[in-house]
Protein backbone atom coordinates (compact mmCIF):
# COMPACT_ATOMS: atom_id res chain seq x y z
CA MET A 1 85.59 107.37 76.05
CA SER A 2 86.67 110.95 76.08
CA ARG A 3 87.34 113.63 73.52
CA VAL A 4 89.94 116.38 73.62
CA LYS A 5 89.49 118.75 70.68
CA ASP A 6 89.49 116.47 67.60
CA ARG A 7 91.09 113.43 69.27
CA PHE A 8 89.32 110.51 70.97
CA TYR A 9 90.63 108.50 73.91
CA THR A 10 89.66 105.40 75.82
CA GLN A 11 90.68 104.40 79.31
CA LEU A 12 89.92 101.11 80.99
CA THR A 13 89.89 101.16 84.76
CA GLY A 14 93.42 100.87 86.08
CA GLN A 15 95.04 101.52 82.69
CA PRO A 16 96.44 104.62 81.02
CA LYS A 17 94.39 106.76 78.65
CA LEU A 18 95.03 105.69 75.04
CA GLU A 19 94.20 107.48 71.81
CA VAL A 20 91.73 105.70 69.50
CA PHE A 21 91.34 106.23 65.78
CA ALA A 22 88.15 106.15 63.71
CA GLU A 23 87.68 103.30 61.30
CA SER A 24 84.07 104.33 60.67
CA GLU A 25 81.42 106.39 62.47
CA ARG A 26 80.96 103.74 65.17
CA LYS A 27 84.16 101.69 64.98
CA PHE A 28 87.52 102.70 66.41
CA PHE A 29 90.91 101.02 66.80
CA LEU A 30 94.00 101.49 68.94
CA LYS A 31 97.54 101.61 67.60
CA VAL A 32 99.41 100.67 70.78
CA VAL A 33 97.53 97.39 71.26
CA ASP A 34 95.59 95.16 68.88
CA ALA A 35 92.10 96.17 69.99
CA GLN A 36 88.96 97.60 68.42
CA LEU A 37 85.91 99.35 69.86
CA ALA A 38 82.45 99.09 68.28
CA PHE A 39 79.61 101.27 69.52
CA ASP A 40 75.95 100.27 69.36
CA VAL A 41 73.22 102.88 69.12
CA ASP A 42 69.48 102.99 69.77
CA PRO A 43 66.92 103.94 67.07
CA GLN A 44 67.43 107.63 67.98
CA GLY A 45 71.18 107.32 67.34
CA ALA A 46 72.26 107.57 71.00
CA THR A 47 75.12 105.28 72.01
CA THR A 48 73.94 102.46 74.28
CA GLU A 49 77.02 100.23 74.64
CA VAL A 50 80.53 99.58 73.45
CA THR A 51 82.17 96.25 72.62
CA LEU A 52 85.91 95.88 73.12
CA HIS A 53 87.37 93.32 70.68
CA GLN A 54 90.76 92.18 71.99
CA ASN A 55 92.73 88.93 72.14
CA GLY A 56 89.92 87.00 70.47
CA ARG A 57 87.42 88.09 73.12
CA ASP A 58 84.52 90.53 73.16
CA VAL A 59 83.79 92.53 76.30
CA VAL A 60 80.57 94.57 76.30
CA GLY A 61 80.16 97.71 78.37
CA LYS A 62 76.76 99.31 78.86
CA ARG A 63 76.64 103.11 78.80
CA LEU A 64 76.27 104.60 82.27
CA SER A 65 74.11 107.56 83.14
CA GLU A 66 75.89 110.59 84.60
CA ALA A 67 74.64 109.60 88.08
CA GLU A 68 75.90 106.00 87.65
CA ALA A 69 79.25 107.25 86.39
CA LYS A 70 79.57 109.61 89.36
CA ARG A 71 78.76 106.79 91.80
CA ALA A 72 81.34 104.56 90.12
CA MET A 73 83.98 107.31 90.23
CA ASP A 74 83.17 107.99 93.90
CA ASP A 75 83.48 104.28 94.70
CA ILE A 76 86.82 104.08 92.91
CA GLU A 77 88.07 107.18 94.72
CA ALA A 78 86.99 105.77 98.11
CA HIS A 79 88.77 102.53 97.24
CA ASP A 80 91.93 104.48 96.36
CA VAL A 81 91.80 106.26 99.73
CA ASP A 82 91.47 102.89 101.46
CA VAL A 83 94.40 101.44 99.48
CA ALA A 84 96.58 104.47 100.28
CA LYS A 85 95.75 104.05 103.98
CA ARG A 86 96.50 100.31 103.84
CA PHE A 87 99.80 101.04 102.10
CA LYS A 88 100.79 103.63 104.70
CA GLU A 89 99.80 101.36 107.60
CA GLN A 90 100.86 98.13 105.79
CA THR A 91 97.58 96.36 106.60
CA GLN A 92 95.80 93.78 104.46
CA SER A 93 92.30 94.04 103.07
CA PRO A 94 89.61 92.49 105.24
CA GLY A 95 88.88 88.96 104.04
CA THR A 96 92.04 88.60 101.96
CA GLU A 97 93.39 85.60 103.85
CA ALA A 98 90.01 83.86 103.79
CA ALA A 99 89.74 84.47 100.04
CA VAL A 100 93.20 83.01 99.40
CA ARG A 101 92.42 79.95 101.53
CA ARG A 102 89.04 79.44 99.82
CA THR A 103 90.55 79.80 96.35
CA ILE A 104 93.32 77.31 97.08
CA GLN A 105 90.79 74.82 98.48
CA GLU A 106 88.55 75.24 95.42
CA LEU A 107 91.52 74.67 93.10
CA GLN A 108 92.54 71.55 95.04
CA VAL A 109 89.16 69.94 94.37
CA GLY A 110 88.91 71.43 90.86
CA GLU A 111 85.73 73.41 91.58
CA PRO A 112 86.44 77.16 91.64
CA LYS A 113 83.45 79.40 92.39
CA TYR A 114 83.25 81.05 88.98
CA ASP A 115 80.22 83.12 90.04
CA LEU A 116 82.50 85.06 92.43
CA MET A 117 84.85 85.96 89.57
CA SER A 118 84.65 88.54 86.82
CA ALA A 119 83.71 87.08 83.44
CA GLN A 120 87.30 87.44 82.19
CA LEU A 121 88.86 85.83 85.26
CA ALA A 122 86.34 82.99 85.14
CA ALA A 123 87.17 82.34 81.48
CA VAL A 124 90.90 82.22 82.20
CA ALA A 125 90.37 80.07 85.31
CA ARG A 126 88.28 77.58 83.29
CA GLN A 127 90.97 77.43 80.62
CA GLN A 128 93.84 77.04 83.10
CA LEU A 129 92.07 74.85 85.68
CA PRO A 130 93.90 71.61 84.82
CA GLN A 131 97.30 73.32 85.19
CA LEU A 132 96.25 75.20 88.34
CA LYS A 133 94.88 72.06 89.97
CA ALA A 134 98.07 70.13 89.12
CA THR A 135 100.28 72.90 90.52
CA ILE A 136 98.26 73.11 93.74
CA ALA A 137 98.37 69.29 94.11
CA GLU A 138 102.14 69.30 93.57
CA LEU A 139 102.59 71.90 96.32
CA GLY A 140 100.72 69.81 98.88
CA ALA A 141 98.46 70.84 101.75
CA LEU A 142 98.22 74.50 102.70
CA GLN A 143 100.10 75.04 105.95
CA SER A 144 99.82 78.79 106.49
CA VAL A 145 99.05 82.11 104.86
CA THR A 146 101.11 85.11 105.98
CA PHE A 147 100.51 88.74 105.06
CA LYS A 148 103.74 90.26 103.69
CA GLY A 149 102.74 93.85 102.93
CA VAL A 150 101.13 96.24 100.47
CA GLU A 151 103.26 97.42 97.55
CA SER A 152 103.03 100.92 96.15
CA THR A 153 102.43 100.04 92.49
CA ALA A 154 99.66 100.65 90.04
CA PRO A 155 97.66 98.50 90.23
CA THR A 156 98.34 97.93 93.89
CA PHE A 157 99.01 94.37 94.99
CA THR A 158 98.58 92.79 98.37
CA LYS A 159 101.34 90.21 98.80
CA LEU A 160 100.56 87.05 100.69
CA SER A 161 102.94 84.20 101.25
CA SER A 162 101.22 80.81 101.22
CA SER A 163 103.30 78.15 102.91
CA MET A 164 102.49 74.79 101.40
CA ALA A 165 104.73 71.79 100.89
CA ARG A 166 107.13 74.20 99.16
CA PRO A 167 107.50 77.52 101.07
CA ASN A 168 107.28 81.07 99.69
CA VAL A 169 104.56 80.56 97.09
CA GLU A 170 103.12 84.03 96.56
CA SER A 171 99.58 84.92 95.65
CA CYS A 172 98.66 88.44 94.58
CA SER A 173 95.29 90.11 94.72
CA ALA A 174 95.05 93.11 92.39
CA ARG A 175 92.78 96.09 92.70
CA THR A 176 91.80 98.49 89.98
CA ALA A 177 93.01 102.06 89.91
CA LYS A 178 91.06 105.28 89.56
CA LEU A 179 89.60 106.18 86.16
CA LYS A 180 89.82 109.88 85.44
CA ALA A 181 88.56 111.49 82.26
CA SER A 182 86.99 114.79 81.38
CA ASP A 183 84.28 115.17 78.71
CA SER A 184 83.70 111.42 79.05
CA VAL A 185 81.16 108.76 78.34
CA HIS A 186 81.32 105.97 80.91
CA TYR A 187 80.56 102.30 80.39
CA SER A 188 80.12 99.42 82.79
CA GLN A 189 81.10 95.90 81.83
CA SER A 190 78.21 93.50 81.41
CA GLY A 191 78.01 90.03 82.96
């Protein structure tokens, strides 16, 4: 969350800064998307966490200390430097091919490793597992995985072509973009 004069803004990692509007002292809403933010406070009135209510889901973010926020921003910036280098040199992330192969194998047997996923991705994967497993089965055995390049988009995608029974099936691995905000309170997603 950030404040510029009398206006409040929120910015999720990899997304644009959006203005939020007060519904009450601790509840805010967005006009450009159907989403609400609710802030929890401790007995002294200091904000401790925020809950994003969107698409029927609640995502909780714990308030970060200034030091934690700086570390997170530094990590994101270092990641951005790495992505820019990979884009310039057109090289894939270390471990990308192994991750694609592992994920395809897990989907084939219907046992994705949810503990390696974010909470949101795990929820979607659980919901879509029957369709994913059927699609992977229809494609047949994995024959090869070929790195195709790094696109210059935000978020940046690494394109991989997975040759299975039907060629040119693409899998994309997204990364998050840099969060920049001045006069900000930073939150880290729980779980």
